[in-house]
Amino acid sequence: MIEGWITQLRKGLLEYCVLLVLRRGESYGYEIVQALKRVEDLTVSESTVYPILGRLREEGFLKSRDVPSAAGPPRRYFALTPRGKVRLAEMNAYWPMLTQALDDLKSEKNKEAGP
C-alpha cells in the first residue's frame, strides 16, 4: 500500500534529481542513472530515467550530443541549457519552502483543536 505512494513520490522527484546531477556538468545517460542509484532511497532504473532525459531535452532544459564510443554504440551526453539552469534554480528556491510547509503541517503548531 505505502509502496505505491512512495513510487509516485519518487517519480515526481526524479526530474529535480536529474537536474541536480547535471549541475556538475555534462554526463551520459548511464552515468546519470548510476549517480541516482547511489542514492539508495530513489530506486531508479534506466527505464525511468531515459524518458525523463528525453522529455527534459524536448522541453529545452537539456541539450545532448552523441559521441562515438570504442566500447559499443555512441554515448549520448546531456548537459543543462541556460533554461535548464534557470529551472534548477527555481526548483532549488522552492524546495526549502516546500519542506518548511510540510514540517509546519506535521508539527503541533498547526494542529487544529478538535474533538
N, C-alpha and C. Protein backbone atom coordinates (compact mmCIF):
# COMPACT_ATOMS: atom_id res chain seq x y z
N MET A 1 0.82 -1.19 0.00
CA MET A 1 0.00 0.00 0.00
C MET A 1 0.87 1.26 0.00
N ILE A 2 1.74 1.39 0.98
CA ILE A 2 2.61 2.57 1.04
C ILE A 2 3.58 2.59 -0.14
N GLU A 3 3.88 1.41 -0.69
CA GLU A 3 4.83 1.32 -1.79
C GLU A 3 4.36 2.13 -3.01
N GLY A 4 3.07 2.12 -3.29
CA GLY A 4 2.54 2.88 -4.41
C GLY A 4 2.73 4.37 -4.23
N TRP A 5 2.49 4.85 -3.02
CA TRP A 5 2.69 6.27 -2.72
C TRP A 5 4.17 6.63 -2.85
N ILE A 6 5.04 5.78 -2.33
CA ILE A 6 6.48 6.03 -2.40
C ILE A 6 6.94 6.07 -3.86
N THR A 7 6.44 5.15 -4.67
CA THR A 7 6.79 5.12 -6.09
C THR A 7 6.38 6.42 -6.78
N GLN A 8 5.18 6.89 -6.52
CA GLN A 8 4.71 8.14 -7.13
C GLN A 8 5.52 9.34 -6.66
N LEU A 9 5.87 9.36 -5.40
CA LEU A 9 6.68 10.45 -4.86
C LEU A 9 8.05 10.47 -5.52
N ARG A 10 8.67 9.31 -5.66
CA ARG A 10 9.97 9.21 -6.32
C ARG A 10 9.89 9.70 -7.76
N LYS A 11 8.87 9.26 -8.47
CA LYS A 11 8.72 9.68 -9.87
C LYS A 11 8.62 11.21 -9.97
N GLY A 12 7.91 11.79 -9.05
CA GLY A 12 7.77 13.24 -9.06
C GLY A 12 9.07 13.98 -8.77
N LEU A 13 9.95 13.35 -8.03
CA LEU A 13 11.21 13.98 -7.66
C LEU A 13 12.33 13.74 -8.67
N LEU A 14 12.17 12.76 -9.54
CA LEU A 14 13.27 12.39 -10.42
C LEU A 14 13.72 13.49 -11.36
N GLU A 15 12.81 14.30 -11.87
CA GLU A 15 13.20 15.41 -12.74
C GLU A 15 14.17 16.33 -12.01
N TYR A 16 13.83 16.67 -10.79
CA TYR A 16 14.69 17.52 -9.96
C TYR A 16 16.03 16.84 -9.73
N CYS A 17 16.02 15.55 -9.43
CA CYS A 17 17.25 14.80 -9.17
C CYS A 17 18.15 14.76 -10.40
N VAL A 18 17.57 14.57 -11.58
CA VAL A 18 18.35 14.55 -12.82
C VAL A 18 19.03 15.91 -13.02
N LEU A 19 18.29 16.98 -12.82
CA LEU A 19 18.88 18.31 -12.97
C LEU A 19 19.99 18.54 -11.94
N LEU A 20 19.80 18.03 -10.73
CA LEU A 20 20.83 18.17 -9.70
C LEU A 20 22.11 17.43 -10.11
N VAL A 21 21.97 16.25 -10.67
CA VAL A 21 23.15 15.50 -11.13
C VAL A 21 23.88 16.28 -12.21
N LEU A 22 23.12 16.86 -13.14
CA LEU A 22 23.73 17.55 -14.27
C LEU A 22 24.27 18.94 -13.93
N ARG A 23 23.99 19.45 -12.75
CA ARG A 23 24.54 20.75 -12.37
C ARG A 23 26.07 20.70 -12.31
N ARG A 24 26.63 19.50 -12.12
CA ARG A 24 28.08 19.31 -12.05
C ARG A 24 28.72 19.33 -13.43
N GLY A 25 27.92 19.19 -14.46
CA GLY A 25 28.45 19.21 -15.82
C GLY A 25 27.87 18.08 -16.66
N GLU A 26 28.35 18.02 -17.87
CA GLU A 26 27.87 17.07 -18.86
C GLU A 26 28.08 15.63 -18.39
N SER A 27 27.11 14.78 -18.72
CA SER A 27 27.18 13.37 -18.34
C SER A 27 26.34 12.56 -19.32
N TYR A 28 26.70 11.31 -19.50
CA TYR A 28 25.89 10.47 -20.39
C TYR A 28 24.88 9.68 -19.57
N GLY A 29 23.88 9.19 -20.24
CA GLY A 29 22.72 8.58 -19.59
C GLY A 29 23.06 7.56 -18.52
N TYR A 30 23.93 6.62 -18.84
CA TYR A 30 24.27 5.57 -17.89
C TYR A 30 24.91 6.16 -16.63
N GLU A 31 25.77 7.16 -16.79
CA GLU A 31 26.39 7.82 -15.63
C GLU A 31 25.33 8.48 -14.75
N ILE A 32 24.34 9.09 -15.37
CA ILE A 32 23.27 9.74 -14.62
C ILE A 32 22.49 8.70 -13.83
N VAL A 33 22.16 7.59 -14.47
CA VAL A 33 21.44 6.51 -13.79
C VAL A 33 22.26 6.01 -12.59
N GLN A 34 23.55 5.81 -12.80
CA GLN A 34 24.41 5.30 -11.72
C GLN A 34 24.50 6.31 -10.57
N ALA A 35 24.59 7.58 -10.88
CA ALA A 35 24.64 8.61 -9.83
C ALA A 35 23.36 8.59 -9.01
N LEU A 36 22.23 8.40 -9.67
CA LEU A 36 20.95 8.34 -8.96
C LEU A 36 20.80 7.05 -8.16
N LYS A 37 21.34 5.96 -8.69
CA LYS A 37 21.27 4.68 -7.98
C LYS A 37 22.07 4.70 -6.69
N ARG A 38 23.08 5.56 -6.62
CA ARG A 38 23.88 5.66 -5.40
C ARG A 38 23.06 6.23 -4.24
N VAL A 39 21.95 6.88 -4.57
CA VAL A 39 21.03 7.36 -3.54
C VAL A 39 20.02 6.24 -3.33
N GLU A 40 20.26 5.45 -2.32
CA GLU A 40 19.54 4.20 -2.10
C GLU A 40 18.02 4.34 -2.14
N ASP A 41 17.49 5.37 -1.53
CA ASP A 41 16.04 5.50 -1.42
C ASP A 41 15.35 5.91 -2.72
N LEU A 42 16.11 6.27 -3.75
CA LEU A 42 15.48 6.64 -5.02
C LEU A 42 15.03 5.42 -5.82
N THR A 43 15.78 4.35 -5.78
CA THR A 43 15.45 3.12 -6.51
C THR A 43 15.04 3.43 -7.95
N VAL A 44 16.01 3.84 -8.75
CA VAL A 44 15.73 4.20 -10.14
C VAL A 44 16.26 3.13 -11.09
N SER A 45 15.76 3.17 -12.31
CA SER A 45 16.24 2.28 -13.36
C SER A 45 16.38 3.09 -14.64
N GLU A 46 17.07 2.51 -15.60
CA GLU A 46 17.23 3.18 -16.88
C GLU A 46 15.88 3.47 -17.52
N SER A 47 14.93 2.56 -17.34
CA SER A 47 13.62 2.73 -17.97
C SER A 47 12.83 3.90 -17.38
N THR A 48 13.21 4.38 -16.21
CA THR A 48 12.55 5.57 -15.66
C THR A 48 13.32 6.84 -15.96
N VAL A 49 14.65 6.74 -16.05
CA VAL A 49 15.47 7.95 -16.23
C VAL A 49 15.52 8.40 -17.69
N TYR A 50 15.66 7.47 -18.63
CA TYR A 50 15.81 7.87 -20.03
C TYR A 50 14.60 8.64 -20.57
N PRO A 51 13.37 8.26 -20.25
CA PRO A 51 12.24 9.08 -20.71
C PRO A 51 12.27 10.51 -20.12
N ILE A 52 12.74 10.64 -18.89
CA ILE A 52 12.85 11.96 -18.28
C ILE A 52 13.90 12.79 -19.02
N LEU A 53 15.03 12.17 -19.34
CA LEU A 53 16.06 12.88 -20.10
C LEU A 53 15.52 13.35 -21.45
N GLY A 54 14.79 12.47 -22.13
CA GLY A 54 14.21 12.84 -23.43
C GLY A 54 13.22 13.97 -23.31
N ARG A 55 12.37 13.92 -22.30
CA ARG A 55 11.37 14.97 -22.11
C ARG A 55 12.03 16.30 -21.76
N LEU A 56 13.02 16.26 -20.87
CA LEU A 56 13.71 17.50 -20.48
C LEU A 56 14.44 18.11 -21.68
N ARG A 57 14.95 17.27 -22.56
CA ARG A 57 15.60 17.77 -23.78
C ARG A 57 14.57 18.40 -24.70
N GLU A 58 13.44 17.73 -24.88
CA GLU A 58 12.39 18.27 -25.74
C GLU A 58 11.86 19.60 -25.23
N GLU A 59 11.83 19.75 -23.90
CA GLU A 59 11.32 20.99 -23.29
C GLU A 59 12.38 22.09 -23.24
N GLY A 60 13.60 21.80 -23.70
CA GLY A 60 14.64 22.81 -23.77
C GLY A 60 15.46 22.99 -22.51
N PHE A 61 15.31 22.08 -21.55
CA PHE A 61 16.08 22.19 -20.30
C PHE A 61 17.43 21.49 -20.40
N LEU A 62 17.56 20.57 -21.35
CA LEU A 62 18.81 19.85 -21.58
C LEU A 62 19.18 19.93 -23.04
N LYS A 63 20.48 19.85 -23.29
CA LYS A 63 20.98 19.66 -24.65
C LYS A 63 21.72 18.34 -24.65
N SER A 64 21.87 17.75 -25.82
CA SER A 64 22.57 16.48 -25.90
C SER A 64 23.47 16.46 -27.11
N ARG A 65 24.46 15.59 -27.03
CA ARG A 65 25.34 15.36 -28.17
C ARG A 65 25.77 13.90 -28.13
N ASP A 66 25.90 13.31 -29.31
CA ASP A 66 26.32 11.92 -29.41
C ASP A 66 27.83 11.86 -29.66
N VAL A 67 28.49 10.99 -28.91
CA VAL A 67 29.94 10.84 -29.01
C VAL A 67 30.24 9.37 -29.31
N PRO A 68 31.02 9.10 -30.37
CA PRO A 68 31.37 7.71 -30.67
C PRO A 68 32.05 7.04 -29.47
N SER A 69 31.77 5.77 -29.31
CA SER A 69 32.35 5.00 -28.21
C SER A 69 33.05 3.77 -28.76
N ALA A 70 34.27 3.52 -28.30
CA ALA A 70 35.01 2.34 -28.73
C ALA A 70 34.38 1.07 -28.16
N ALA A 71 33.59 1.24 -27.09
CA ALA A 71 33.02 0.09 -26.39
C ALA A 71 31.61 -0.26 -26.87
N GLY A 72 31.16 0.29 -27.97
CA GLY A 72 29.82 -0.03 -28.44
C GLY A 72 29.17 1.14 -29.14
N PRO A 73 27.86 1.28 -28.97
CA PRO A 73 27.14 2.37 -29.66
C PRO A 73 27.57 3.73 -29.11
N PRO A 74 27.28 4.79 -29.86
CA PRO A 74 27.66 6.12 -29.39
C PRO A 74 26.99 6.44 -28.04
N ARG A 75 27.66 7.25 -27.26
CA ARG A 75 27.10 7.69 -25.98
C ARG A 75 26.46 9.05 -26.18
N ARG A 76 25.28 9.21 -25.61
CA ARG A 76 24.59 10.49 -25.67
C ARG A 76 24.86 11.23 -24.37
N TYR A 77 25.55 12.34 -24.49
CA TYR A 77 25.87 13.19 -23.34
C TYR A 77 24.82 14.27 -23.21
N PHE A 78 24.43 14.53 -21.96
CA PHE A 78 23.43 15.55 -21.64
C PHE A 78 24.07 16.64 -20.80
N ALA A 79 23.59 17.86 -20.99
CA ALA A 79 24.04 18.99 -20.19
C ALA A 79 22.88 19.96 -20.04
N LEU A 80 22.93 20.74 -18.97
CA LEU A 80 21.91 21.76 -18.75
C LEU A 80 22.05 22.87 -19.78
N THR A 81 20.93 23.34 -20.29
CA THR A 81 20.92 24.54 -21.12
C THR A 81 20.75 25.74 -20.17
N PRO A 82 20.90 26.95 -20.67
CA PRO A 82 20.60 28.09 -19.81
C PRO A 82 19.20 28.02 -19.21
N ARG A 83 18.25 27.57 -20.00
CA ARG A 83 16.88 27.41 -19.50
C ARG A 83 16.82 26.34 -18.40
N GLY A 84 17.59 25.27 -18.56
CA GLY A 84 17.67 24.22 -17.56
C GLY A 84 18.28 24.72 -16.26
N LYS A 85 19.28 25.59 -16.37
CA LYS A 85 19.90 26.17 -15.17
C LYS A 85 18.90 27.05 -14.42
N VAL A 86 18.08 27.77 -15.17
CA VAL A 86 17.04 28.58 -14.54
C VAL A 86 16.02 27.69 -13.85
N ARG A 87 15.60 26.62 -14.53
CA ARG A 87 14.63 25.69 -13.94
C ARG A 87 15.19 25.10 -12.64
N LEU A 88 16.45 24.69 -12.65
CA LEU A 88 17.07 24.14 -11.45
C LEU A 88 17.12 25.18 -10.34
N ALA A 89 17.45 26.41 -10.67
CA ALA A 89 17.48 27.47 -9.67
C ALA A 89 16.09 27.69 -9.07
N GLU A 90 15.07 27.63 -9.91
CA GLU A 90 13.70 27.78 -9.42
C GLU A 90 13.33 26.63 -8.47
N MET A 91 13.71 25.43 -8.86
CA MET A 91 13.42 24.26 -8.02
C MET A 91 14.19 24.35 -6.70
N ASN A 92 15.44 24.77 -6.77
CA ASN A 92 16.24 24.93 -5.55
C ASN A 92 15.63 25.98 -4.63
N ALA A 93 15.08 27.04 -5.20
CA ALA A 93 14.46 28.09 -4.39
C ALA A 93 13.15 27.60 -3.77
N TYR A 94 12.42 26.78 -4.48
CA TYR A 94 11.14 26.29 -4.00
C TYR A 94 11.29 25.20 -2.94
N TRP A 95 12.33 24.39 -3.04
CA TRP A 95 12.49 23.23 -2.16
C TRP A 95 12.41 23.59 -0.68
N PRO A 96 13.15 24.60 -0.18
CA PRO A 96 13.06 24.92 1.25
C PRO A 96 11.65 25.36 1.67
N MET A 97 10.96 26.05 0.77
CA MET A 97 9.59 26.46 1.09
C MET A 97 8.68 25.24 1.22
N LEU A 98 8.86 24.29 0.32
CA LEU A 98 8.06 23.07 0.36
C LEU A 98 8.34 22.27 1.63
N THR A 99 9.61 22.07 1.94
CA THR A 99 9.94 21.29 3.14
C THR A 99 9.47 22.00 4.40
N GLN A 100 9.54 23.33 4.43
CA GLN A 100 9.04 24.07 5.59
C GLN A 100 7.53 23.92 5.73
N ALA A 101 6.83 23.98 4.62
CA ALA A 101 5.37 23.81 4.66
C ALA A 101 5.01 22.42 5.17
N LEU A 102 5.74 21.41 4.72
CA LEU A 102 5.48 20.05 5.20
C LEU A 102 5.82 19.92 6.68
N ASP A 103 6.92 20.51 7.10
CA ASP A 103 7.28 20.49 8.53
C ASP A 103 6.21 21.18 9.37
N ASP A 104 5.69 22.29 8.87
CA ASP A 104 4.63 23.01 9.58
C ASP A 104 3.38 22.14 9.71
N LEU A 105 3.04 21.46 8.62
CA LEU A 105 1.85 20.60 8.67
C LEU A 105 2.02 19.45 9.66
N LYS A 106 3.23 18.94 9.75
CA LYS A 106 3.49 17.82 10.66
C LYS A 106 3.61 18.25 12.12
N SER A 107 3.88 19.52 12.35
CA SER A 107 4.13 19.98 13.71
C SER A 107 2.83 20.22 14.48
N GLU A 108 2.97 20.33 15.76
CA GLU A 108 1.81 20.58 16.63
C GLU A 108 1.25 21.99 16.47
N LYS A 109 2.08 22.94 16.05
CA LYS A 109 1.62 24.34 15.99
C LYS A 109 0.48 24.55 15.00
N ASN A 110 0.36 23.67 14.00
CA ASN A 110 -0.73 23.80 13.03
C ASN A 110 -1.89 22.87 13.33
N LYS A 111 -1.76 22.12 14.40
CA LYS A 111 -2.81 21.16 14.73
C LYS A 111 -4.03 21.91 15.23
N GLU A 112 -5.15 21.68 14.59
CA GLU A 112 -6.39 22.35 15.00
C GLU A 112 -6.95 21.64 16.21
N ALA A 113 -7.56 22.45 17.05
CA ALA A 113 -8.25 21.86 18.20
C ALA A 113 -9.47 21.11 17.67
N GLY A 114 -9.60 19.91 18.12
CA GLY A 114 -10.71 19.11 17.63
C GLY A 114 -11.29 18.27 18.74
N PRO A 115 -12.28 17.49 18.42
CA PRO A 115 -12.93 16.68 19.45
C PRO A 115 -12.02 15.64 20.03
